[in-house]
């Protein structure tokens, strides 16, 4: 189950809507081993595409170095689908490289409907998980 605070959920959806008609993408980092999403990092879709997203390699390297310095890891990897449901495509599954991350998808195909879903993608297998939204996340237990 993905547990996320309302502000982060809303920020992911806002980023997806702002970048429409292109796919939006980003990461939410959290303390290593906590499974607690804390710091949203919107990224630029280097592909600038309505059907595909790609992290800029320089930006991604910078992000991973920053997360290492802060003892963080990617808890959520998110992106949007602009014309289809919020479900991982074959390309999404093929490129999923963080087995411990929650893969969050937002569909922006209907501006009146907020469709946000979360998945675990491990070894090419997709499993949908419940998303629990809290007003505020409690700090991870030490």
Foldseek 3Di string as FASTA:
>chain_A
DQEAAPVVVVVLLVQQQVLPVAKWWWFFKDAPPQLYGDRTDTADQPVSHNADGDGDPVVVVVVVVVCVVVNIDGQEIEMEHEADAFDDDQVNLVPDDDQNHWYWYWYPPDVVDTHIWTWGRDPSDTDTDDYHYHNDDDDGDD
